[in-house]
Amino acid sequence: MVFNREFAHSVIYTLELIDTYLDFLFKDNNLSEARTLQNQFGRLKSYIEFTDYHYLTNKELENLLKNTKEQLIQFSTDFSKLFFSYT
């Protein structure tokens, strides 16, 4: 269920949805920071998308999800700095 593209609560479904909205957001944005942020998210999405999850052990899956969470937190922080920073 974590990797099912058709299950609305899966990680990959959610990442694809975020990617769609980021494309709209970054379409007319020419800032180099925005491009860097889009690349950062693309690496995260690819990390999940191309994981061969059929052969993951429970511990490996746990590490994958922990790493994904850490990357999402970092992305969220960087996104907030770029679009919501007042400094």
C-alpha atoms as a PDB file:
ATOM      1  CA  MET A   1       0.000   0.000   0.000  1.00  0.00           C
ATOM      2  CA  VAL A   2       2.934   2.346   0.523  1.00  0.00           C
ATOM      3  CA  PHE A   3       3.928   2.120  -3.161  1.00  0.00           C
ATOM      4  CA  ASN A   4       0.485   1.751  -4.787  1.00  0.00           C
ATOM      5  CA  ARG A   5       0.000   4.633  -7.239  1.00  0.00           C
ATOM      6  CA  GLU A   6      -3.790   4.236  -7.141  1.00  0.00           C
ATOM      7  CA  PHE A   7      -4.203   4.246  -3.354  1.00  0.00           C
ATOM      8  CA  ALA A   8      -4.836   7.816  -2.215  1.00  0.00           C
ATOM      9  CA  HIS A   9      -2.972   7.367   1.074  1.00  0.00           C
ATOM     10  CA  SER A  10       0.179   5.834  -0.389  1.00  0.00           C
ATOM     11  CA  VAL A  11       3.498   7.630  -0.346  1.00  0.00           C
ATOM     12  CA  ILE A  12       3.997   7.532  -4.119  1.00  0.00           C
ATOM     13  CA  TYR A  13       0.454   8.777  -4.846  1.00  0.00           C
ATOM     14  CA  THR A  14       1.008  11.725  -2.520  1.00  0.00           C
ATOM     15  CA  LEU A  15       4.429  12.522  -3.976  1.00  0.00           C
ATOM     16  CA  GLU A  16       2.983  12.507  -7.498  1.00  0.00           C
ATOM     17  CA  LEU A  17       0.227  14.869  -6.390  1.00  0.00           C
ATOM     18  CA  ILE A  18       2.760  17.231  -4.789  1.00  0.00           C
ATOM     19  CA  ASP A  19       4.863  17.066  -7.954  1.00  0.00           C
ATOM     20  CA  THR A  20       1.867  18.098 -10.065  1.00  0.00           C
ATOM     21  CA  TYR A  21       1.214  21.153  -7.913  1.00  0.00           C
ATOM     22  CA  LEU A  22       4.885  22.082  -7.773  1.00  0.00           C
ATOM     23  CA  ASP A  23       4.960  22.069 -11.576  1.00  0.00           C
ATOM     24  CA  PHE A  24       2.137  24.630 -11.573  1.00  0.00           C
ATOM     25  CA  LEU A  25       3.863  26.694  -8.905  1.00  0.00           C
ATOM     26  CA  PHE A  26       7.289  26.688 -10.552  1.00  0.00           C
ATOM     27  CA  LYS A  27       6.063  27.056 -14.152  1.00  0.00           C
ATOM     28  CA  ASP A  28       6.543  30.829 -14.281  1.00  0.00           C
ATOM     29  CA  ASN A  29       9.146  31.092 -11.538  1.00  0.00           C
ATOM     30  CA  ASN A  30      12.648  31.804 -12.850  1.00  0.00           C
ATOM     31  CA  LEU A  31      14.463  31.921  -9.515  1.00  0.00           C
ATOM     32  CA  SER A  32      17.442  29.589  -9.350  1.00  0.00           C
ATOM     33  CA  GLU A  33      16.362  28.629  -5.833  1.00  0.00           C
ATOM     34  CA  ALA A  34      13.021  27.431  -7.206  1.00  0.00           C
ATOM     35  CA  ARG A  35      14.810  25.228  -9.738  1.00  0.00           C
ATOM     36  CA  THR A  36      17.027  23.839  -6.981  1.00  0.00           C
ATOM     37  CA  LEU A  37      13.949  23.127  -4.886  1.00  0.00           C
ATOM     38  CA  GLN A  38      12.237  21.389  -7.795  1.00  0.00           C
ATOM     39  CA  ASN A  39      15.349  19.228  -8.323  1.00  0.00           C
ATOM     40  CA  GLN A  40      15.437  18.409  -4.615  1.00  0.00           C
ATOM     41  CA  PHE A  41      11.854  17.184  -4.739  1.00  0.00           C
ATOM     42  CA  GLY A  42      12.501  15.272  -7.968  1.00  0.00           C
ATOM     43  CA  ARG A  43      15.327  13.346  -6.302  1.00  0.00           C
ATOM     44  CA  LEU A  44      13.047  12.480  -3.389  1.00  0.00           C
ATOM     45  CA  LYS A  45      10.269  11.311  -5.691  1.00  0.00           C
ATOM     46  CA  SER A  46      12.702   9.247  -7.784  1.00  0.00           C
ATOM     47  CA  TYR A  47      14.118   7.682  -4.616  1.00  0.00           C
ATOM     48  CA  ILE A  48      10.671   6.282  -3.819  1.00  0.00           C
ATOM     49  CA  GLU A  49       9.547   5.700  -7.383  1.00  0.00           C
ATOM     50  CA  PHE A  50      12.508   3.526  -8.367  1.00  0.00           C
ATOM     51  CA  THR A  51      12.861   1.563  -5.140  1.00  0.00           C
ATOM     52  CA  ASP A  52      12.475  -2.149  -5.747  1.00  0.00           C
ATOM     53  CA  TYR A  53      10.145  -2.605  -2.808  1.00  0.00           C
ATOM     54  CA  HIS A  54       9.322  -6.242  -3.541  1.00  0.00           C
ATOM     55  CA  TYR A  55      12.609  -7.310  -1.982  1.00  0.00           C
ATOM     56  CA  LEU A  56      12.764  -4.951   0.993  1.00  0.00           C
ATOM     57  CA  THR A  57      12.981  -6.402   4.458  1.00  0.00           C
ATOM     58  CA  ASN A  58      10.979  -4.826   7.255  1.00  0.00           C
ATOM     59  CA  LYS A  59      14.077  -3.028   8.522  1.00  0.00           C
ATOM     60  CA  GLU A  60      14.942  -1.721   5.049  1.00  0.00           C
ATOM     61  CA  LEU A  61      11.367  -0.488   4.586  1.00  0.00           C
ATOM     62  CA  GLU A  62      11.533   1.212   7.965  1.00  0.00           C
ATOM     63  CA  ASN A  63      14.810   2.920   6.978  1.00  0.00           C
ATOM     64  CA  LEU A  64      13.358   3.957   3.612  1.00  0.00           C
ATOM     65  CA  LEU A  65      10.330   5.552   5.269  1.00  0.00           C
ATOM     66  CA  LYS A  66      12.496   7.267   7.886  1.00  0.00           C
ATOM     67  CA  ASN A  67      14.789   8.652   5.182  1.00  0.00           C
ATOM     68  CA  THR A  68      11.781   9.793   3.148  1.00  0.00           C
ATOM     69  CA  LYS A  69      10.335  11.572   6.161  1.00  0.00           C
ATOM     70  CA  GLU A  70      13.636  13.353   6.818  1.00  0.00           C
ATOM     71  CA  GLN A  71      13.880  14.446   3.177  1.00  0.00           C
ATOM     72  CA  LEU A  72      10.279  15.713   3.219  1.00  0.00           C
ATOM     73  CA  ILE A  73      10.948  17.731   6.360  1.00  0.00           C
ATOM     74  CA  GLN A  74      14.037  19.261   4.738  1.00  0.00           C
ATOM     75  CA  PHE A  75      12.085  20.002   1.555  1.00  0.00           C
ATOM     76  CA  SER A  76       9.307  21.616   3.584  1.00  0.00           C
ATOM     77  CA  THR A  77      11.813  23.780   5.425  1.00  0.00           C
ATOM     78  CA  ASP A  78      13.516  24.871   2.200  1.00  0.00           C
ATOM     79  CA  PHE A  79      10.166  25.489   0.517  1.00  0.00           C
ATOM     80  CA  SER A  80       9.033  27.655   3.426  1.00  0.00           C
ATOM     81  CA  LYS A  81      12.258  29.667   3.353  1.00  0.00           C
ATOM     82  CA  LEU A  82      11.856  30.377  -0.344  1.00  0.00           C
ATOM     83  CA  PHE A  83       8.165  31.247  -0.444  1.00  0.00           C
ATOM     84  CA  PHE A  84       7.275  32.391   3.075  1.00  0.00           C
ATOM     85  CA  SER A  85      10.432  34.067   4.352  1.00  0.00           C
ATOM     86  CA  TYR A  86      10.161  37.668   5.457  1.00  0.00           C
ATOM     87  CA  THR A  87      13.904  38.270   5.681  1.00  0.00           C
END
